[in-house]
Amino acid sequence: MGDREQYTPGPASGAHIRKDGEKWTLILVRELRHSPEKVWQALTDPAHLREWAPFDADGSLGTVGTTVKLTTVGAPAPRVTETTVTRADAPEVLEYQWGGFDMRWQLEAFGDGTRLTLWTNIGHRFIAMGAAGWHICFDVLDRLLSGSPIGRMVGPEAMKFGGWQRLNAEYAKQFGIETPNWPPAAAQKP
């Protein structure tokens, strides 16, 4: 059995939500065993993003003012968003939009590693799903940076993964929100 087949995500943790008017923000914090410089490269370099992120980038996200096309992976129809990097203070803060949602990454040296924080605004009914998806992405990122890649797990592929469904339910409970069963019962196979 390979590393991917043995992968099981840990319990829902390191996430909270904030509401400002009608805008919801999902905040995820993860401690990684890698330097801020190494994590920064994984957040900005298209080759690294292809290994763990829920989107592909056609250029580096590491420079303010750069315009990059982000293509959502696993979407039923190709979804391409053109974004301009609004902040890139290597290796500490990175800001841009993806699909109309603000993305803010903060990297803080923490012991021998990095405390990575992601703030992203998100539709209320997708908060638990988003937290579950990013949880798995961060696990994949950590293994990639450790030299033991398990391959990107995003979109519908991640949702079929049993650990995603558990995480979705755990985050929904943690946030005190109702979330529909996913996938819908009609789409589940016996």
C-alpha atoms as a PDB file:
ATOM      1  CA  MET A   1       0.000   0.000   0.000  1.00  0.00           C
ATOM      2  CA  GLY A   2       1.415   3.408  -0.969  1.00  0.00           C
ATOM      3  CA  ASP A   3       1.619   6.546   1.140  1.00  0.00           C
ATOM      4  CA  ARG A   4      -1.520   7.926  -0.510  1.00  0.00           C
ATOM      5  CA  GLU A   5      -3.583   4.847   0.376  1.00  0.00           C
ATOM      6  CA  GLN A   6      -2.328   4.993   3.980  1.00  0.00           C
ATOM      7  CA  TYR A   7      -3.089   8.710   4.368  1.00  0.00           C
ATOM      8  CA  THR A   8      -5.772   9.576   6.900  1.00  0.00           C
ATOM      9  CA  PRO A   9      -6.303  13.205   7.902  1.00  0.00           C
ATOM     10  CA  GLY A  10      -6.237  14.083  11.569  1.00  0.00           C
ATOM     11  CA  PRO A  11      -9.232  15.592  13.361  1.00  0.00           C
ATOM     12  CA  ALA A  12     -10.657  18.984  12.404  1.00  0.00           C
ATOM     13  CA  SER A  13      -8.495  21.626  14.061  1.00  0.00           C
ATOM     14  CA  GLY A  14      -6.837  24.980  13.542  1.00  0.00           C
ATOM     15  CA  ALA A  15      -9.826  26.633  11.885  1.00  0.00           C
ATOM     16  CA  HIS A  16     -12.327  29.280  12.848  1.00  0.00           C
ATOM     17  CA  ILE A  17     -14.743  31.608  11.120  1.00  0.00           C
ATOM     18  CA  ARG A  18     -15.491  35.301  11.366  1.00  0.00           C
ATOM     19  CA  LYS A  19     -18.514  37.225  10.123  1.00  0.00           C
ATOM     20  CA  ASP A  20     -18.262  40.874   9.124  1.00  0.00           C
ATOM     21  CA  GLY A  21     -21.645  42.098   7.893  1.00  0.00           C
ATOM     22  CA  GLU A  22     -22.620  39.635   5.182  1.00  0.00           C
ATOM     23  CA  LYS A  23     -19.034  38.551   4.557  1.00  0.00           C
ATOM     24  CA  TRP A  24     -17.767  35.286   6.045  1.00  0.00           C
ATOM     25  CA  THR A  25     -14.069  34.571   6.457  1.00  0.00           C
ATOM     26  CA  LEU A  26     -12.558  31.145   7.002  1.00  0.00           C
ATOM     27  CA  ILE A  27      -9.278  31.284   8.928  1.00  0.00           C
ATOM     28  CA  LEU A  28      -7.043  28.224   8.921  1.00  0.00           C
ATOM     29  CA  VAL A  29      -3.816  27.859  10.894  1.00  0.00           C
ATOM     30  CA  ARG A  30      -1.320  25.047  10.388  1.00  0.00           C
ATOM     31  CA  GLU A  31       2.125  24.523  11.842  1.00  0.00           C
ATOM     32  CA  LEU A  32       4.495  23.090   9.262  1.00  0.00           C
ATOM     33  CA  ARG A  33       7.926  21.578   9.882  1.00  0.00           C
ATOM     34  CA  HIS A  34       9.527  23.665   7.153  1.00  0.00           C
ATOM     35  CA  SER A  35      11.131  27.110   6.948  1.00  0.00           C
ATOM     36  CA  PRO A  36       9.072  30.147   5.876  1.00  0.00           C
ATOM     37  CA  GLU A  37      11.246  30.387   2.740  1.00  0.00           C
ATOM     38  CA  LYS A  38      10.425  26.808   1.738  1.00  0.00           C
ATOM     39  CA  VAL A  39       6.702  27.293   2.437  1.00  0.00           C
ATOM     40  CA  TRP A  40       6.728  30.610   0.515  1.00  0.00           C
ATOM     41  CA  GLN A  41       8.088  28.840  -2.555  1.00  0.00           C
ATOM     42  CA  ALA A  42       5.284  26.258  -2.309  1.00  0.00           C
ATOM     43  CA  LEU A  43       2.684  29.072  -2.140  1.00  0.00           C
ATOM     44  CA  THR A  44       4.037  31.042  -5.081  1.00  0.00           C
ATOM     45  CA  ASP A  45       5.779  28.701  -7.543  1.00  0.00           C
ATOM     46  CA  PRO A  46       3.477  27.174 -10.216  1.00  0.00           C
ATOM     47  CA  ALA A  47       5.330  23.817 -10.165  1.00  0.00           C
ATOM     48  CA  HIS A  48       4.813  23.505  -6.401  1.00  0.00           C
ATOM     49  CA  LEU A  49       1.176  24.665  -6.550  1.00  0.00           C
ATOM     50  CA  ARG A  50       0.424  21.888  -9.083  1.00  0.00           C
ATOM     51  CA  GLU A  51       1.394  19.355  -6.420  1.00  0.00           C
ATOM     52  CA  TRP A  52      -0.950  20.450  -3.616  1.00  0.00           C
ATOM     53  CA  ALA A  53      -3.202  23.480  -4.295  1.00  0.00           C
ATOM     54  CA  PRO A  54      -6.812  23.428  -5.563  1.00  0.00           C
ATOM     55  CA  PHE A  55      -5.757  25.555  -8.540  1.00  0.00           C
ATOM     56  CA  ASP A  56      -3.006  25.764 -11.153  1.00  0.00           C
ATOM     57  CA  ALA A  57      -1.201  29.054 -11.764  1.00  0.00           C
ATOM     58  CA  ASP A  58       0.264  30.087 -15.115  1.00  0.00           C
ATOM     59  CA  GLY A  59       2.947  32.196 -13.415  1.00  0.00           C
ATOM     60  CA  SER A  60       4.563  32.957 -10.087  1.00  0.00           C
ATOM     61  CA  LEU A  61       2.475  34.562  -7.355  1.00  0.00           C
ATOM     62  CA  GLY A  62       5.607  35.919  -5.665  1.00  0.00           C
ATOM     63  CA  THR A  63       5.683  39.486  -7.028  1.00  0.00           C
ATOM     64  CA  VAL A  64       3.305  42.391  -6.369  1.00  0.00           C
ATOM     65  CA  GLY A  65       1.537  43.574  -9.511  1.00  0.00           C
ATOM     66  CA  THR A  66       1.967  40.314 -11.390  1.00  0.00           C
ATOM     67  CA  THR A  67      -1.163  39.128 -13.202  1.00  0.00           C
ATOM     68  CA  VAL A  68      -1.637  35.362 -13.086  1.00  0.00           C
ATOM     69  CA  LYS A  69      -4.374  33.049 -14.349  1.00  0.00           C
ATOM     70  CA  LEU A  70      -5.564  30.570 -11.722  1.00  0.00           C
ATOM     71  CA  THR A  71      -7.419  27.514 -13.020  1.00  0.00           C
ATOM     72  CA  THR A  72      -9.537  25.583 -10.552  1.00  0.00           C
ATOM     73  CA  VAL A  73      -8.645  21.890 -10.570  1.00  0.00           C
ATOM     74  CA  GLY A  74     -11.411  19.315 -10.675  1.00  0.00           C
ATOM     75  CA  ALA A  75     -14.230  21.729 -11.522  1.00  0.00           C
ATOM     76  CA  PRO A  76     -16.912  20.269 -13.849  1.00  0.00           C
ATOM     77  CA  ALA A  77     -16.137  23.047 -16.343  1.00  0.00           C
ATOM     78  CA  PRO A  78     -12.816  24.911 -16.527  1.00  0.00           C
ATOM     79  CA  ARG A  79     -12.920  27.901 -14.175  1.00  0.00           C
ATOM     80  CA  VAL A  80     -10.168  30.386 -14.861  1.00  0.00           C
ATOM     81  CA  THR A  81      -9.680  33.481 -12.738  1.00  0.00           C
ATOM     82  CA  GLU A  82      -7.283  36.239 -13.655  1.00  0.00           C
ATOM     83  CA  THR A  83      -5.773  37.753 -10.524  1.00  0.00           C
ATOM     84  CA  THR A  84      -3.230  40.389  -9.665  1.00  0.00           C
ATOM     85  CA  VAL A  85      -0.962  39.832  -6.683  1.00  0.00           C
ATOM     86  CA  THR A  86      -1.729  42.734  -4.324  1.00  0.00           C
ATOM     87  CA  ARG A  87       0.871  41.938  -1.659  1.00  0.00           C
ATOM     88  CA  ALA A  88       3.981  39.763  -1.707  1.00  0.00           C
ATOM     89  CA  ASP A  89       6.271  40.386   1.252  1.00  0.00           C
ATOM     90  CA  ALA A  90       8.484  37.296   0.990  1.00  0.00           C
ATOM     91  CA  PRO A  91       8.434  35.130   3.037  1.00  0.00           C
ATOM     92  CA  GLU A  92       5.810  36.660   5.314  1.00  0.00           C
ATOM     93  CA  VAL A  93       2.575  37.798   3.600  1.00  0.00           C
ATOM     94  CA  LEU A  94       0.952  36.975   0.255  1.00  0.00           C
ATOM     95  CA  GLU A  95      -2.383  38.413  -0.957  1.00  0.00           C
ATOM     96  CA  TYR A  96      -4.446  37.970  -4.129  1.00  0.00           C
ATOM     97  CA  GLN A  97      -7.968  36.944  -5.151  1.00  0.00           C
ATOM     98  CA  TRP A  98      -9.097  33.549  -6.392  1.00  0.00           C
ATOM     99  CA  GLY A  99     -12.527  33.279  -7.969  1.00  0.00           C
ATOM    100  CA  GLY A 100     -13.562  36.616  -6.479  1.00  0.00           C
ATOM    101  CA  PHE A 101     -12.525  35.595  -2.966  1.00  0.00           C
ATOM    102  CA  ASP A 102      -9.741  37.304  -1.035  1.00  0.00           C
ATOM    103  CA  MET A 103      -6.780  35.072  -0.179  1.00  0.00           C
ATOM    104  CA  ARG A 104      -4.325  36.194   2.501  1.00  0.00           C
ATOM    105  CA  TRP A 105      -1.454  33.959   3.548  1.00  0.00           C
ATOM    106  CA  GLN A 106       0.733  34.785   6.540  1.00  0.00           C
ATOM    107  CA  LEU A 107       3.915  32.871   7.330  1.00  0.00           C
ATOM    108  CA  GLU A 108       5.518  33.195  10.761  1.00  0.00           C
ATOM    109  CA  ALA A 109       8.728  31.487  11.860  1.00  0.00           C
ATOM    110  CA  PHE A 110       7.744  29.043  14.600  1.00  0.00           C
ATOM    111  CA  GLY A 111      10.533  27.024  16.174  1.00  0.00           C
ATOM    112  CA  ASP A 112      12.259  25.253  13.274  1.00  0.00           C
ATOM    113  CA  GLY A 113       9.170  25.575  11.095  1.00  0.00           C
ATOM    114  CA  THR A 114       6.388  27.902  10.015  1.00  0.00           C
ATOM    115  CA  ARG A 115       2.984  28.815  11.349  1.00  0.00           C
ATOM    116  CA  LEU A 116       0.927  29.233   8.174  1.00  0.00           C
ATOM    117  CA  THR A 117      -2.357  31.158   8.381  1.00  0.00           C
ATOM    118  CA  LEU A 118      -4.837  31.448   5.520  1.00  0.00           C
ATOM    119  CA  TRP A 119      -7.713  33.933   5.555  1.00  0.00           C
ATOM    120  CA  THR A 120     -10.230  33.504   2.751  1.00  0.00           C
ATOM    121  CA  ASN A 121     -13.728  34.840   2.394  1.00  0.00           C
ATOM    122  CA  ILE A 122     -16.221  32.138   1.484  1.00  0.00           C
ATOM    123  CA  GLY A 123     -19.943  31.604   1.122  1.00  0.00           C
ATOM    124  CA  HIS A 124     -21.535  30.618   4.449  1.00  0.00           C
ATOM    125  CA  ARG A 125     -22.905  27.306   3.192  1.00  0.00           C
ATOM    126  CA  PHE A 126     -19.436  26.254   1.946  1.00  0.00           C
ATOM    127  CA  ILE A 127     -17.429  27.018   5.101  1.00  0.00           C
ATOM    128  CA  ALA A 128     -17.179  23.458   6.435  1.00  0.00           C
ATOM    129  CA  MET A 129     -16.521  22.087   2.940  1.00  0.00           C
ATOM    130  CA  GLY A 130     -13.790  24.685   2.409  1.00  0.00           C
ATOM    131  CA  ALA A 131     -12.180  23.936   5.770  1.00  0.00           C
ATOM    132  CA  ALA A 132     -12.163  20.200   4.989  1.00  0.00           C
ATOM    133  CA  GLY A 133     -10.664  20.793   1.540  1.00  0.00           C
ATOM    134  CA  TRP A 134      -7.930  23.133   2.785  1.00  0.00           C
ATOM    135  CA  HIS A 135      -7.173  20.733   5.669  1.00  0.00           C
ATOM    136  CA  ILE A 136      -6.373  18.002   3.132  1.00  0.00           C
ATOM    137  CA  CYS A 137      -4.441  20.448   0.908  1.00  0.00           C
ATOM    138  CA  PHE A 138      -2.283  21.453   3.888  1.00  0.00           C
ATOM    139  CA  ASP A 139      -1.609  17.779   4.705  1.00  0.00           C
ATOM    140  CA  VAL A 140      -0.560  17.189   1.090  1.00  0.00           C
ATOM    141  CA  LEU A 141       1.621  20.338   1.218  1.00  0.00           C
ATOM    142  CA  ASP A 142       3.350  19.187   4.413  1.00  0.00           C
ATOM    143  CA  ARG A 143       4.147  15.783   2.914  1.00  0.00           C
ATOM    144  CA  LEU A 144       5.352  17.369  -0.335  1.00  0.00           C
ATOM    145  CA  LEU A 145       7.748  19.658   1.543  1.00  0.00           C
ATOM    146  CA  SER A 146       8.957  16.685   3.633  1.00  0.00           C
ATOM    147  CA  GLY A 147       9.944  14.840   0.455  1.00  0.00           C
ATOM    148  CA  SER A 148       7.140  12.251   0.734  1.00  0.00           C
ATOM    149  CA  PRO A 149       4.549  13.528  -1.758  1.00  0.00           C
ATOM    150  CA  ILE A 150       1.180  11.756  -1.853  1.00  0.00           C
ATOM    151  CA  GLY A 151      -0.234  13.715  -4.790  1.00  0.00           C
ATOM    152  CA  ARG A 152      -2.784  16.482  -4.971  1.00  0.00           C
ATOM    153  CA  MET A 153      -6.283  15.659  -3.628  1.00  0.00           C
ATOM    154  CA  VAL A 154      -8.760  18.404  -4.529  1.00  0.00           C
ATOM    155  CA  GLY A 155     -12.278  18.993  -5.807  1.00  0.00           C
ATOM    156  CA  PRO A 156     -14.525  15.997  -6.466  1.00  0.00           C
ATOM    157  CA  GLU A 157     -11.591  13.595  -5.948  1.00  0.00           C
ATOM    158  CA  ALA A 158     -11.071  14.875  -2.400  1.00  0.00           C
ATOM    159  CA  MET A 159     -14.831  14.743  -1.708  1.00  0.00           C
ATOM    160  CA  LYS A 160     -14.926  11.025  -2.575  1.00  0.00           C
ATOM    161  CA  PHE A 161     -12.196  10.436  -0.038  1.00  0.00           C
ATOM    162  CA  GLY A 162     -13.695   9.179   3.229  1.00  0.00           C
ATOM    163  CA  GLY A 163     -11.549  11.482   5.356  1.00  0.00           C
ATOM    164  CA  TRP A 164     -13.032  14.539   3.640  1.00  0.00           C
ATOM    165  CA  GLN A 165     -16.586  13.609   4.604  1.00  0.00           C
ATOM    166  CA  ARG A 166     -15.554  13.145   8.242  1.00  0.00           C
ATOM    167  CA  LEU A 167     -13.695  16.463   8.243  1.00  0.00           C
ATOM    168  CA  ASN A 168     -16.665  18.245   6.633  1.00  0.00           C
ATOM    169  CA  ALA A 169     -18.953  16.976   9.415  1.00  0.00           C
ATOM    170  CA  GLU A 170     -16.412  17.794  12.163  1.00  0.00           C
ATOM    171  CA  TYR A 171     -15.869  21.350  10.926  1.00  0.00           C
ATOM    172  CA  ALA A 172     -19.625  21.915  10.555  1.00  0.00           C
ATOM    173  CA  LYS A 173     -20.126  20.814  14.157  1.00  0.00           C
ATOM    174  CA  GLN A 174     -17.165  22.916  15.339  1.00  0.00           C
ATOM    175  CA  PHE A 175     -18.541  26.015  13.572  1.00  0.00           C
ATOM    176  CA  GLY A 176     -22.122  25.334  14.701  1.00  0.00           C
ATOM    177  CA  ILE A 177     -23.484  25.267  11.162  1.00  0.00           C
ATOM    178  CA  GLU A 178     -25.598  22.797   9.283  1.00  0.00           C
ATOM    179  CA  THR A 179     -24.040  21.325   6.223  1.00  0.00           C
ATOM    180  CA  PRO A 180     -25.691  19.121   3.610  1.00  0.00           C
ATOM    181  CA  ASN A 181     -24.474  15.558   3.290  1.00  0.00           C
ATOM    182  CA  TRP A 182     -21.930  15.496   0.536  1.00  0.00           C
ATOM    183  CA  PRO A 183     -22.151  14.082  -1.981  1.00  0.00           C
ATOM    184  CA  PRO A 184     -25.958  14.281  -2.111  1.00  0.00           C
ATOM    185  CA  ALA A 185     -27.651  10.946  -1.373  1.00  0.00           C
ATOM    186  CA  ALA A 186     -28.820  10.675  -5.002  1.00  0.00           C
ATOM    187  CA  ALA A 187     -25.204  10.773  -6.167  1.00  0.00           C
ATOM    188  CA  GLN A 188     -23.925   8.172  -3.683  1.00  0.00           C
ATOM    189  CA  LYS A 189     -23.430   4.647  -4.910  1.00  0.00           C
ATOM    190  CA  PRO A 190     -24.465   1.628  -2.810  1.00  0.00           C
END
